[in-house]
Amino acid sequence: MTTRRVFLGEVAGAMAVGAVGLRANAGGLGRELAGFSGTPGELARDEAYWVPIQRAFTVDRSIVNLNNGGCSPAPLVAQEAQKRHLDFMNQNPPPFALWQVQEKRAEGVRARLARQFAVSAEELALTRNASEGLQILQFGFDLEAGDEVLCTTHDYPRMLNTFKQRERREGIRLVQMQLAVPAEDEDEVVRLYESAITDRTRLILVSHVVFLTGQILPVKKIAALGRKHGIPVLVDGAHALAHFDFTLGELECDFYATSLHKWLFAPIGTGLLYVRKERIKDVWPLMAASEAEDDDIRKFEQIGTHPEAQTLAIAESLTLHQAIGAANKEARLAYLRDRWADRLLADDRVRLYTSQKPGFACCLATFGVDGMDMGALRGLLWNQHRILTTTVGFPTADGDVSGIRVSPSVYTTLEEIDRFCEVVEEWIASS
């Protein structure tokens, strides 16, 4: 039965989510959301709760973006903050604005991120994206010809290519394993990694969330495995941080890199690199730093002159994330995934390559349709219906498969999810 509150929420959503600039104040949004009560699961289904969150973004509602895993838009409050900081830099002498004012203010952003994710500010480097953070780590360890790096066939291509370049240049060996799809036994995943360790294994790369399928891997257990064998474990957290409810501190890992322009909704070109304090000295920076900085996390930020506007605007995106609540956000994102996945799975030709069990995936998920061209479906969704998704291909135990990866966000409406389902159902029926 539809309650009056739900009905009014749906009506308000239909009328208001396309408006621009209605709420450029994350603190005010927090006070509004504080007026709601319920468990994360209950709030995930309360459309009235999500309407002001949807209004916080300036997205064009003539387009449905279901590829937020690729890159998310920033909310208006972060856009305005970035512009404000950029204006300040250009209105004042940049040597003063950048190095005397904004670079110092960035320390406040570092401190807030550290507090939110339960680590020390002296363990967080502010980077431009997950790839930069990971390549700092991937190039930062000394390796010799014959040394092995362990990863899977499902790790991100840029990170695989980074190690493949070291293969060509230095003669190291990249060892890749194949994950189950989906992988719903954490201990089996850990055994897979451990079985591939040899006396030449020097590094392990693991994706916290597999970009192809949204699979969440047990990085805490794999990090413990690495410590047991004395092997550094580099965690690719590009799709994880602020996607579901966890902190870096609870993972007990030594090395973690992520982007903030995906699930934290920070401006494009923001990321962070976590290195446990006592391990900082073990990693060479990607760009040279002085010897005096050997154990300083800021040595990883020595990239030369660069704008601080997007870094400072992270603070507004973080405030929005806190206003929503990490647990509420996770529940909503899983709810949106299940809304489309459950509906499409009613057709026995549809295959979901992502687990729907709690803890094994969240919002990002991939599906395929037996005997059908998923690239053609992706083209139809975009070219005729302006629904943005992405296609992915990957190996499984039954052979290579292709699918469409779907990743809505907190600003996505139920009507947009349902419209996506209708297009897919009509395509399957007519094919």
Protein backbone atom coordinates (compact mmCIF):
# COMPACT_ATOMS: atom_id res chain seq x y z
CA MET A 1 0.00 0.00 0.00
CA THR A 2 1.37 3.42 -0.96
CA THR A 3 1.51 5.75 2.01
CA ARG A 4 0.79 9.46 1.73
CA ARG A 5 4.44 10.20 2.54
CA VAL A 6 5.73 7.92 -0.22
CA PHE A 7 3.20 9.31 -2.70
CA LEU A 8 4.15 12.91 -1.94
CA GLY A 9 7.81 11.96 -2.18
CA GLU A 10 7.33 10.45 -5.63
CA VAL A 11 5.34 13.48 -6.84
CA ALA A 12 7.94 15.88 -5.48
CA GLY A 13 10.68 13.87 -7.08
CA ALA A 14 9.02 13.92 -10.49
CA MET A 15 8.57 17.70 -10.30
CA ALA A 16 11.79 18.76 -8.64
CA VAL A 17 14.78 16.57 -9.43
CA GLY A 18 15.41 18.30 -12.72
CA ALA A 19 15.71 21.73 -11.11
CA VAL A 20 19.20 23.22 -10.87
CA GLY A 21 20.66 24.96 -7.88
CA LEU A 22 17.89 24.35 -5.37
CA ARG A 23 20.23 23.26 -2.61
CA ALA A 24 23.85 24.34 -2.69
CA ASN A 25 24.38 23.82 1.03
CA ALA A 26 25.43 20.42 2.30
CA GLY A 27 24.88 21.47 5.91
CA GLY A 28 21.29 22.47 5.17
CA LEU A 29 20.74 19.17 3.42
CA GLY A 30 22.01 17.37 6.49
CA ARG A 31 19.52 19.17 8.71
CA GLU A 32 16.69 18.28 6.34
CA LEU A 33 17.65 14.61 6.22
CA ALA A 34 17.95 14.51 10.01
CA GLY A 35 14.18 14.92 10.12
CA PHE A 36 13.75 11.38 8.76
CA SER A 37 13.93 8.26 10.88
CA GLY A 38 14.28 4.58 10.08
CA THR A 39 16.83 1.87 9.48
CA PRO A 40 19.07 2.09 6.40
CA GLY A 41 16.87 -0.53 4.75
CA GLU A 42 13.74 1.48 5.48
CA LEU A 43 15.24 4.76 4.32
CA ALA A 44 16.48 3.10 1.13
CA ARG A 45 12.82 2.70 0.12
CA ASP A 46 11.59 6.08 1.38
CA GLU A 47 11.50 8.19 -1.77
CA ALA A 48 10.86 11.37 0.21
CA TYR A 49 14.27 10.95 1.86
CA TRP A 50 16.06 10.84 -1.49
CA VAL A 51 14.34 13.77 -3.23
CA PRO A 52 16.51 16.50 -1.62
CA ILE A 53 19.59 14.40 -2.34
CA GLN A 54 18.56 14.10 -5.98
CA ARG A 55 18.08 17.87 -6.12
CA ALA A 56 21.63 18.41 -4.84
CA PHE A 57 22.95 17.42 -8.29
CA THR A 58 22.67 19.44 -11.51
CA VAL A 59 22.37 16.48 -13.88
CA ASP A 60 20.52 16.79 -17.18
CA ARG A 61 17.40 14.66 -16.70
CA SER A 62 17.00 14.14 -20.45
CA ILE A 63 19.92 11.69 -20.04
CA VAL A 64 20.02 8.70 -17.69
CA ASN A 65 23.54 8.09 -16.41
CA LEU A 66 23.92 4.46 -15.36
CA ASN A 67 27.71 4.55 -15.63
CA ASN A 68 28.55 6.33 -12.39
CA GLY A 69 31.17 3.67 -11.80
CA GLY A 70 33.10 5.30 -14.61
CA CYS A 71 32.84 8.79 -13.16
CA SER A 72 30.21 10.59 -11.12
CA PRO A 73 29.07 14.19 -11.46
CA ALA A 74 29.82 16.39 -8.47
CA PRO A 75 26.93 17.93 -6.53
CA LEU A 76 26.26 21.63 -6.96
CA VAL A 77 27.83 22.49 -3.61
CA ALA A 78 31.16 20.98 -4.72
CA GLN A 79 30.95 22.59 -8.16
CA GLU A 80 30.45 26.01 -6.60
CA ALA A 81 33.27 25.46 -4.12
CA GLN A 82 35.66 24.46 -6.89
CA LYS A 83 34.77 27.56 -8.89
CA ARG A 84 35.15 29.75 -5.81
CA HIS A 85 38.62 28.38 -5.06
CA LEU A 86 39.65 28.72 -8.71
CA ASP A 87 38.47 32.33 -8.75
CA PHE A 88 40.49 33.06 -5.62
CA MET A 89 43.61 31.66 -7.25
CA ASN A 90 43.15 33.86 -10.32
CA GLN A 91 42.11 37.01 -8.44
CA ASN A 92 45.27 36.93 -6.34
CA PRO A 93 48.91 36.39 -7.30
CA PRO A 94 49.00 32.59 -7.79
CA PRO A 95 52.29 32.15 -5.90
CA PHE A 96 50.52 33.63 -2.87
CA ALA A 97 47.09 32.06 -3.44
CA LEU A 98 48.37 28.58 -4.17
CA TRP A 99 51.34 28.14 -1.88
CA GLN A 100 50.56 30.46 1.01
CA VAL A 101 46.81 29.92 1.27
CA GLN A 102 45.28 27.01 -0.63
CA GLU A 103 48.07 24.48 -0.13
CA LYS A 104 47.77 25.04 3.62
CA ARG A 105 43.98 24.75 3.49
CA ALA A 106 44.36 21.36 1.79
CA GLU A 107 45.71 20.04 5.09
CA GLY A 108 42.21 20.47 6.49
CA VAL A 109 40.83 18.28 3.72
CA ARG A 110 43.48 15.67 4.47
CA ALA A 111 42.55 15.74 8.17
CA ARG A 112 38.82 15.36 7.49
CA LEU A 113 39.32 12.43 5.12
CA ALA A 114 41.57 10.75 7.67
CA ARG A 115 38.97 11.20 10.40
CA GLN A 116 36.15 9.89 8.19
CA PHE A 117 38.04 6.76 7.12
CA ALA A 118 39.76 6.07 10.47
CA VAL A 119 43.44 6.51 9.61
CA SER A 120 46.09 9.12 10.39
CA ALA A 121 46.35 12.27 8.28
CA GLU A 122 50.06 11.44 8.05
CA GLU A 123 49.11 8.32 6.07
CA LEU A 124 47.01 9.97 3.33
CA ALA A 125 48.37 11.53 0.15
CA LEU A 126 46.00 13.66 -1.94
CA THR A 127 46.25 12.44 -5.54
CA ARG A 128 44.39 12.96 -8.80
CA ASN A 129 42.86 9.49 -9.17
CA ALA A 130 43.25 5.83 -8.27
CA SER A 131 45.54 5.14 -11.22
CA GLU A 132 48.04 7.74 -10.04
CA GLY A 133 48.03 6.34 -6.52
CA LEU A 134 48.40 2.78 -7.73
CA GLN A 135 51.21 3.61 -10.14
CA ILE A 136 53.07 5.32 -7.31
CA LEU A 137 52.95 1.94 -5.57
CA GLN A 138 53.52 -0.18 -8.66
CA PHE A 139 56.64 1.72 -9.67
CA GLY A 140 57.66 2.46 -6.09
CA PHE A 141 59.03 -0.97 -5.16
CA ASP A 142 62.40 -2.20 -6.40
CA LEU A 143 62.01 -5.37 -8.47
CA GLU A 144 64.53 -7.54 -10.29
CA ALA A 145 64.33 -9.74 -13.36
CA GLY A 146 62.43 -12.90 -12.49
CA ASP A 147 60.52 -11.36 -9.59
CA GLU A 148 56.80 -12.16 -9.73
CA VAL A 149 53.75 -9.92 -9.26
CA LEU A 150 50.50 -11.69 -8.46
CA CYS A 151 47.11 -10.42 -9.69
CA THR A 152 44.00 -11.65 -11.54
CA THR A 153 42.65 -11.46 -15.07
CA HIS A 154 39.90 -9.21 -13.67
CA ASP A 155 42.16 -6.38 -12.47
CA TYR A 156 41.97 -3.00 -14.18
CA PRO A 157 43.78 -2.86 -17.58
CA ARG A 158 45.78 0.27 -16.74
CA MET A 159 47.18 -1.40 -13.65
CA LEU A 160 47.96 -4.59 -15.58
CA ASN A 161 49.68 -2.53 -18.28
CA THR A 162 51.77 -0.82 -15.63
CA PHE A 163 53.21 -4.16 -14.56
CA LYS A 164 53.45 -5.35 -18.17
CA GLN A 165 55.66 -2.34 -18.90
CA ARG A 166 57.90 -3.42 -16.01
CA GLU A 167 57.87 -6.90 -17.58
CA ARG A 168 59.15 -5.52 -20.87
CA ARG A 169 61.60 -3.12 -19.31
CA GLU A 170 62.94 -5.03 -16.31
CA GLY A 171 62.12 -8.67 -16.93
CA ILE A 172 59.71 -9.17 -14.03
CA ARG A 173 56.91 -11.71 -14.41
CA LEU A 174 53.19 -10.95 -14.12
CA VAL A 175 51.20 -13.93 -12.81
CA GLN A 176 47.43 -13.74 -13.37
CA MET A 177 44.73 -15.94 -11.85
CA GLN A 178 41.10 -16.31 -12.83
CA LEU A 179 38.38 -15.44 -10.33
CA ALA A 180 35.05 -17.21 -10.03
CA VAL A 181 32.08 -15.20 -11.32
CA PRO A 182 30.56 -14.41 -8.94
CA ALA A 183 32.94 -15.30 -6.10
CA GLU A 184 30.83 -15.97 -3.00
CA ASP A 185 33.32 -17.85 -0.83
CA GLU A 186 35.87 -15.51 0.76
CA ASP A 187 38.08 -18.32 2.01
CA GLU A 188 38.23 -19.83 -1.46
CA VAL A 189 39.34 -16.48 -2.87
CA VAL A 190 42.11 -16.27 -0.27
CA ARG A 191 43.17 -19.85 -1.07
CA LEU A 192 43.36 -18.91 -4.75
CA TYR A 193 45.82 -16.12 -4.00
CA GLU A 194 47.86 -18.21 -1.58
CA SER A 195 48.12 -21.12 -4.03
CA ALA A 196 49.80 -18.84 -6.56
CA ILE A 197 52.47 -17.50 -4.18
CA THR A 198 55.99 -18.73 -4.89
CA ASP A 199 59.41 -17.90 -3.49
CA ARG A 200 59.69 -15.28 -6.27
CA THR A 201 56.43 -13.45 -5.46
CA ARG A 202 57.29 -9.86 -4.50
CA LEU A 203 53.98 -7.95 -4.81
CA ILE A 204 50.26 -8.74 -4.81
CA LEU A 205 47.70 -6.49 -6.53
CA VAL A 206 44.07 -6.94 -5.47
CA SER A 207 40.92 -5.06 -6.46
CA HIS A 208 38.66 -4.19 -3.54
CA VAL A 209 35.80 -3.98 -6.04
CA VAL A 210 36.32 -5.69 -9.40
CA PHE A 211 35.57 -3.07 -12.04
CA LEU A 212 34.05 -5.64 -14.41
CA THR A 213 31.39 -7.14 -12.16
CA GLY A 214 31.27 -5.17 -8.91
CA GLN A 215 32.60 -8.17 -6.98
CA ILE A 216 33.84 -7.19 -3.51
CA LEU A 217 36.98 -9.13 -2.62
CA PRO A 218 38.11 -9.90 0.96
CA VAL A 219 40.99 -7.44 1.02
CA LYS A 220 41.41 -7.59 4.81
CA LYS A 221 42.09 -11.33 4.60
CA ILE A 222 44.32 -10.93 1.55
CA ALA A 223 46.29 -8.16 3.29
CA ALA A 224 46.77 -10.52 6.24
CA LEU A 225 47.92 -13.21 3.79
CA GLY A 226 50.50 -10.81 2.40
CA ARG A 227 51.85 -9.99 5.86
CA LYS A 228 52.06 -13.71 6.65
CA HIS A 229 54.33 -14.23 3.63
CA GLY A 230 56.12 -10.86 3.85
CA ILE A 231 54.64 -9.66 0.55
CA PRO A 232 53.25 -6.11 0.11
CA VAL A 233 49.57 -6.12 -0.96
CA LEU A 234 48.53 -3.15 -3.13
CA VAL A 235 44.78 -2.57 -2.94
CA ASP A 236 42.98 -1.02 -5.92
CA GLY A 237 40.08 0.73 -4.21
CA ALA A 238 38.95 2.77 -7.21
CA HIS A 239 35.33 1.61 -6.96
CA ALA A 240 35.10 1.00 -3.23
CA LEU A 241 35.64 4.04 -1.01
CA ALA A 242 32.32 5.76 -0.13
CA HIS A 243 30.46 3.15 -2.22
CA PHE A 244 29.62 0.97 0.76
CA ASP A 245 30.09 1.35 4.50
CA PHE A 246 33.67 0.66 5.62
CA THR A 247 36.78 2.50 6.74
CA LEU A 248 40.37 2.15 5.66
CA GLY A 249 41.33 1.55 9.26
CA GLU A 250 39.23 -1.58 9.57
CA LEU A 251 40.80 -3.16 6.48
CA GLU A 252 44.19 -3.37 8.22
CA CYS A 253 45.98 -3.03 4.90
CA ASP A 254 49.27 -1.22 4.25
CA PHE A 255 48.64 0.26 0.78
CA TYR A 256 45.35 1.50 -0.70
CA ALA A 257 44.61 3.83 -3.63
CA THR A 258 41.24 5.18 -4.70
CA SER A 259 39.44 7.82 -6.74
CA LEU A 260 37.15 10.30 -5.01
CA HIS A 261 35.28 11.34 -8.18
CA LYS A 262 33.28 8.11 -8.28
CA TRP A 263 31.38 7.33 -5.07
CA LEU A 264 32.37 10.28 -2.87
CA PHE A 265 31.13 12.59 -5.67
CA ALA A 266 34.19 14.86 -5.41
CA PRO A 267 35.31 16.89 -8.45
CA ILE A 268 36.98 15.05 -11.30
CA GLY A 269 40.71 14.76 -10.71
CA THR A 270 40.64 13.85 -7.02
CA GLY A 271 41.86 10.73 -5.28
CA LEU A 272 43.81 9.55 -2.30
CA LEU A 273 46.61 7.16 -1.52
CA TYR A 274 46.86 5.49 1.88
CA VAL A 275 50.23 4.13 3.02
CA ARG A 276 50.65 2.89 6.57
CA LYS A 277 53.07 5.24 8.36
CA GLU A 278 55.84 2.72 8.91
CA ARG A 279 55.72 1.64 5.22
CA ILE A 280 56.07 5.12 3.65
CA LYS A 281 59.87 4.90 3.60
CA ASP A 282 59.65 1.59 1.68
CA VAL A 283 58.07 3.20 -1.42
CA TRP A 284 59.83 5.46 -3.92
CA PRO A 285 57.68 8.42 -5.06
CA LEU A 286 56.68 8.49 -8.71
CA MET A 287 58.16 11.98 -9.04
CA ALA A 288 61.36 12.77 -7.17
CA ALA A 289 61.28 14.11 -3.62
CA SER A 290 64.12 15.08 -1.30
CA GLU A 291 65.73 12.54 0.98
CA ALA A 292 64.40 14.50 3.95
CA GLU A 293 60.89 13.47 2.89
CA ASP A 294 61.58 9.73 2.81
CA ASP A 295 59.05 8.96 5.56
CA ASP A 296 56.64 11.85 4.81
CA ILE A 297 53.37 10.97 3.02
CA ARG A 298 53.59 14.28 1.14
CA LYS A 299 56.51 12.99 -0.91
CA PHE A 300 53.88 11.28 -3.08
CA GLU A 301 52.34 14.67 -3.91
CA GLN A 302 55.47 16.17 -5.50
CA ILE A 303 53.98 16.66 -8.96
CA GLY A 304 54.91 20.31 -9.50
CA THR A 305 52.56 23.28 -9.75
CA HIS A 306 48.91 22.26 -9.89
CA PRO A 307 45.52 23.75 -8.93
CA GLU A 308 44.17 23.11 -5.45
CA ALA A 309 40.58 24.06 -6.29
CA GLN A 310 39.32 20.51 -6.84
CA THR A 311 41.20 19.25 -3.78
CA LEU A 312 39.61 21.89 -1.54
CA ALA A 313 36.16 21.13 -2.96
CA ILE A 314 36.48 17.54 -1.72
CA ALA A 315 35.41 18.95 1.66
CA GLU A 316 31.92 19.76 0.36
CA SER A 317 31.47 16.33 -1.20
CA LEU A 318 32.57 14.73 2.05
CA THR A 319 30.02 16.79 3.97
CA LEU A 320 27.29 15.57 1.60
CA HIS A 321 28.43 11.97 2.07
CA GLN A 322 28.25 12.43 5.84
CA ALA A 323 24.80 14.01 5.60
CA ILE A 324 23.44 11.02 3.70
CA GLY A 325 25.18 8.51 5.97
CA ALA A 326 27.42 5.72 4.70
CA ALA A 327 25.04 2.93 5.78
CA ASN A 328 22.01 4.69 4.26
CA LYS A 329 23.93 5.24 1.03
CA GLU A 330 24.99 1.60 0.79
CA ALA A 331 21.43 0.41 1.39
CA ARG A 332 20.01 2.74 -1.26
CA LEU A 333 22.60 1.76 -3.87
CA ALA A 334 21.96 -1.95 -3.28
CA TYR A 335 18.21 -1.30 -3.46
CA LEU A 336 18.56 0.39 -6.86
CA ARG A 337 20.69 -2.51 -8.12
CA ASP A 338 18.14 -5.07 -7.00
CA ARG A 339 15.26 -3.09 -8.50
CA TRP A 340 16.61 -3.51 -12.04
CA ALA A 341 18.35 -6.87 -11.52
CA ASP A 342 15.35 -8.65 -10.00
CA ARG A 343 13.10 -7.36 -12.76
CA LEU A 344 15.40 -8.43 -15.61
CA LEU A 345 16.12 -11.81 -14.01
CA ALA A 346 12.45 -12.68 -14.43
CA ASP A 347 13.52 -13.63 -17.98
CA ASP A 348 15.49 -16.89 -17.80
CA ARG A 349 17.77 -15.74 -20.64
CA VAL A 350 19.25 -12.99 -18.46
CA ARG A 351 22.47 -13.76 -16.59
CA LEU A 352 23.63 -11.65 -13.65
CA TYR A 353 27.41 -11.84 -13.22
CA THR A 354 27.27 -10.08 -9.87
CA SER A 355 26.33 -11.50 -6.47
CA GLN A 356 23.28 -10.07 -4.77
CA LYS A 357 24.36 -11.43 -1.40
CA PRO A 358 25.22 -8.75 1.19
CA GLY A 359 28.93 -8.10 1.42
CA PHE A 360 29.84 -9.48 -2.01
CA ALA A 361 28.71 -6.51 -4.13
CA CYS A 362 26.82 -3.25 -3.83
CA CYS A 363 25.65 -0.93 -6.61
CA LEU A 364 27.86 -1.77 -9.58
CA ALA A 365 26.62 -4.92 -11.36
CA THR A 366 26.86 -6.60 -14.76
CA PHE A 367 24.35 -8.66 -16.74
CA GLY A 368 24.21 -10.48 -20.04
CA VAL A 369 21.52 -12.07 -22.20
CA ASP A 370 22.05 -15.53 -23.68
CA GLY A 371 22.81 -15.46 -27.39
CA MET A 372 22.46 -11.69 -27.76
CA ASP A 373 24.88 -8.92 -28.69
CA MET A 374 25.34 -6.77 -25.61
CA GLY A 375 27.20 -4.13 -27.59
CA ALA A 376 24.11 -3.70 -29.75
CA LEU A 377 22.00 -3.26 -26.63
CA ARG A 378 24.38 -0.66 -25.23
CA GLY A 379 24.19 1.23 -28.52
CA LEU A 380 20.39 1.06 -28.51
CA LEU A 381 20.19 2.32 -24.94
CA TRP A 382 22.34 5.33 -25.72
CA ASN A 383 21.60 6.19 -29.33
CA GLN A 384 17.82 5.87 -29.14
CA HIS A 385 17.04 6.37 -25.45
CA ARG A 386 19.96 8.42 -24.05
CA ILE A 387 20.60 5.87 -21.31
CA LEU A 388 24.33 5.62 -20.64
CA THR A 389 25.84 2.25 -19.69
CA THR A 390 29.08 0.50 -20.62
CA THR A 391 29.97 -2.91 -22.00
CA VAL A 392 32.59 -5.17 -20.45
CA GLY A 393 34.08 -8.51 -21.38
CA PHE A 394 35.91 -10.98 -19.15
CA PRO A 395 36.87 -14.64 -18.81
CA THR A 396 34.89 -17.11 -16.71
CA ALA A 397 35.19 -20.84 -16.04
CA ASP A 398 32.70 -21.36 -18.90
CA GLY A 399 34.55 -19.16 -21.37
CA ASP A 400 34.67 -15.48 -22.24
CA VAL A 401 31.47 -13.50 -21.74
CA SER A 402 30.34 -9.97 -22.43
CA GLY A 403 27.84 -7.93 -20.52
CA ILE A 404 26.51 -4.50 -19.72
CA ARG A 405 27.69 -2.89 -16.50
CA VAL A 406 25.08 -0.82 -14.69
CA SER A 407 25.87 1.64 -11.91
CA PRO A 408 23.18 4.11 -10.80
CA SER A 409 23.77 6.59 -7.98
CA VAL A 410 22.04 8.41 -5.15
CA TYR A 411 20.59 10.95 -7.59
CA THR A 412 19.06 8.22 -9.80
CA THR A 413 15.25 8.06 -9.63
CA LEU A 414 13.10 4.95 -9.66
CA GLU A 415 11.49 6.15 -12.88
CA GLU A 416 14.91 6.17 -14.54
CA ILE A 417 15.62 2.62 -13.36
CA ASP A 418 12.24 1.45 -14.62
CA ARG A 419 12.71 3.16 -17.98
CA PHE A 420 16.01 1.33 -18.41
CA CYS A 421 14.30 -1.99 -17.64
CA GLU A 422 11.52 -1.31 -20.13
CA VAL A 423 14.00 -0.70 -22.96
CA VAL A 424 15.93 -3.89 -22.16
CA GLU A 425 12.75 -5.98 -21.90
CA GLU A 426 11.45 -4.66 -25.23
CA TRP A 427 14.81 -5.36 -26.90
CA ILE A 428 14.90 -8.94 -25.60
CA ALA A 429 11.31 -9.55 -26.67
CA SER A 430 11.94 -8.27 -30.19
CA SER A 431 15.30 -9.98 -30.76
